[in-house]
Amino acid sequence: MSQIIKNILLSHRGRSNAITSKRISAKMGFPMEDTQSVSRKEIWKTADEYGLPLISCNKGYFIAHTDEEMAEFNENYEKRIRGIRKKQEMANKYYKEWKNGINNQK
């Protein structure tokens, strides 16, 4: 199975050739679900198994083809990481306040 996914991914080099997980699911006969979790898991597993420089974006998955694509991918992930970290810090801060009785008078 991973060899087939590998071949599908290798035919989608560069952002302009991205393929959606839904299309990969259809080609592989995976369940057609809202999140395509089965295909996403197999896609990333295949990329790791074969050492593919796989990128995901709002258009789907593709093999990195240029330095610019990698830079965009890295910046996108850094923004997401910063956003997640901010939410984590906020939750921890307010949890401590609630635990100490500062905000749970309601």
Protein backbone atom coordinates (compact mmCIF):
# COMPACT_ATOMS: atom_id res chain seq x y z
CA MET A 1 0.00 0.00 0.00
CA SER A 2 2.73 2.49 0.91
CA GLN A 3 4.42 1.95 -2.45
CA ILE A 4 1.22 3.04 -4.21
CA ILE A 5 0.88 6.12 -2.01
CA LYS A 6 4.54 6.90 -2.64
CA ASN A 7 3.96 6.78 -6.40
CA ILE A 8 0.90 9.02 -6.08
CA LEU A 9 2.85 11.56 -4.03
CA LEU A 10 5.86 11.50 -6.36
CA SER A 11 3.60 12.52 -9.22
CA HIS A 12 2.58 15.63 -7.25
CA ARG A 13 5.72 17.74 -7.02
CA GLY A 14 5.38 21.43 -6.27
CA ARG A 15 2.49 23.37 -4.72
CA SER A 16 0.73 23.82 -8.05
CA ASN A 17 0.43 20.02 -8.28
CA ALA A 18 -0.93 19.38 -4.78
CA ILE A 19 -3.37 16.50 -4.31
CA THR A 20 -6.04 16.35 -1.62
CA SER A 21 -6.26 13.55 0.90
CA LYS A 22 -9.77 12.94 -0.42
CA ARG A 23 -8.40 12.19 -3.90
CA ILE A 24 -5.75 9.91 -2.42
CA SER A 25 -8.45 8.16 -0.36
CA ALA A 26 -10.51 7.60 -3.50
CA LYS A 27 -7.52 6.17 -5.39
CA MET A 28 -6.64 3.89 -2.47
CA GLY A 29 -10.18 2.81 -1.62
CA PHE A 30 -9.96 4.26 1.88
CA PRO A 31 -13.17 5.19 3.72
CA MET A 32 -14.53 8.55 2.58
CA GLU A 33 -14.85 10.45 5.83
CA ASP A 34 -14.99 14.14 6.66
CA THR A 35 -11.46 14.35 8.06
CA GLN A 36 -9.81 11.71 5.87
CA SER A 37 -7.95 10.57 8.99
CA VAL A 38 -7.15 7.12 7.55
CA SER A 39 -5.51 8.52 4.43
CA ARG A 40 -3.72 11.34 6.29
CA LYS A 41 -2.15 8.83 8.67
CA GLU A 42 -1.01 6.61 5.79
CA ILE A 43 0.26 9.59 3.77
CA TRP A 44 2.54 10.80 6.58
CA LYS A 45 3.62 7.23 7.38
CA THR A 46 4.61 6.76 3.73
CA ALA A 47 6.51 10.05 3.64
CA ASP A 48 8.48 8.97 6.69
CA GLU A 49 9.09 5.45 5.38
CA TYR A 50 10.51 6.69 2.06
CA GLY A 51 12.10 9.93 3.26
CA LEU A 52 9.86 12.15 1.13
CA PRO A 53 9.98 15.93 1.67
CA LEU A 54 6.19 16.07 1.93
CA ILE A 55 4.37 19.33 2.50
CA SER A 56 0.73 19.88 3.31
CA CYS A 57 -1.12 23.08 2.55
CA ASN A 58 -4.67 24.26 1.97
CA LYS A 59 -4.56 22.68 -1.51
CA GLY A 60 -3.45 19.24 -0.29
CA TYR A 61 -0.16 17.38 -0.25
CA PHE A 62 2.86 17.73 -2.48
CA ILE A 63 6.55 16.96 -2.63
CA ALA A 64 8.63 20.07 -1.89
CA HIS A 65 10.16 21.30 -5.13
CA THR A 66 11.76 24.65 -4.24
CA ASP A 67 13.42 26.41 -1.33
CA GLU A 68 10.51 28.88 -1.33
CA GLU A 69 7.99 26.09 -0.81
CA MET A 70 9.99 24.81 2.16
CA ALA A 71 10.31 28.33 3.60
CA GLU A 72 6.54 28.90 3.31
CA PHE A 73 5.85 25.52 4.89
CA ASN A 74 8.20 26.21 7.79
CA GLU A 75 6.78 29.69 8.41
CA ASN A 76 3.23 28.33 8.34
CA TYR A 77 4.08 25.69 10.92
CA GLU A 78 5.93 28.19 13.11
CA LYS A 79 2.84 30.44 13.14
CA ARG A 80 0.68 27.47 14.08
CA ILE A 81 3.09 26.46 16.84
CA ARG A 82 3.09 30.03 18.22
CA GLY A 83 -0.71 30.06 18.19
CA ILE A 84 -0.92 26.74 19.98
CA ARG A 85 1.68 27.85 22.54
CA LYS A 86 -0.29 31.06 23.20
CA LYS A 87 -3.49 29.07 23.84
CA GLN A 88 -1.58 26.67 26.09
CA GLU A 89 -0.11 29.52 28.13
CA MET A 90 -3.50 31.22 28.41
CA ALA A 91 -5.21 28.03 29.60
CA ASN A 92 -2.50 27.38 32.18
CA LYS A 93 -2.60 30.97 33.45
CA TYR A 94 -6.37 31.00 33.86
CA TYR A 95 -6.42 27.51 35.34
CA LYS A 96 -4.03 28.64 38.07
CA GLU A 97 -6.21 31.71 38.71
CA TRP A 98 -9.37 29.61 38.90
CA LYS A 99 -7.68 27.03 41.08
CA ASN A 100 -6.62 29.79 43.47
CA GLY A 101 -10.18 31.14 43.59
CA ILE A 102 -9.54 34.39 41.74
CA ASN A 103 -12.16 33.94 38.99
CA ASN A 104 -14.54 31.20 40.10
CA GLN A 105 -17.01 33.35 42.02
CA LYS A 106 -19.69 32.67 39.38
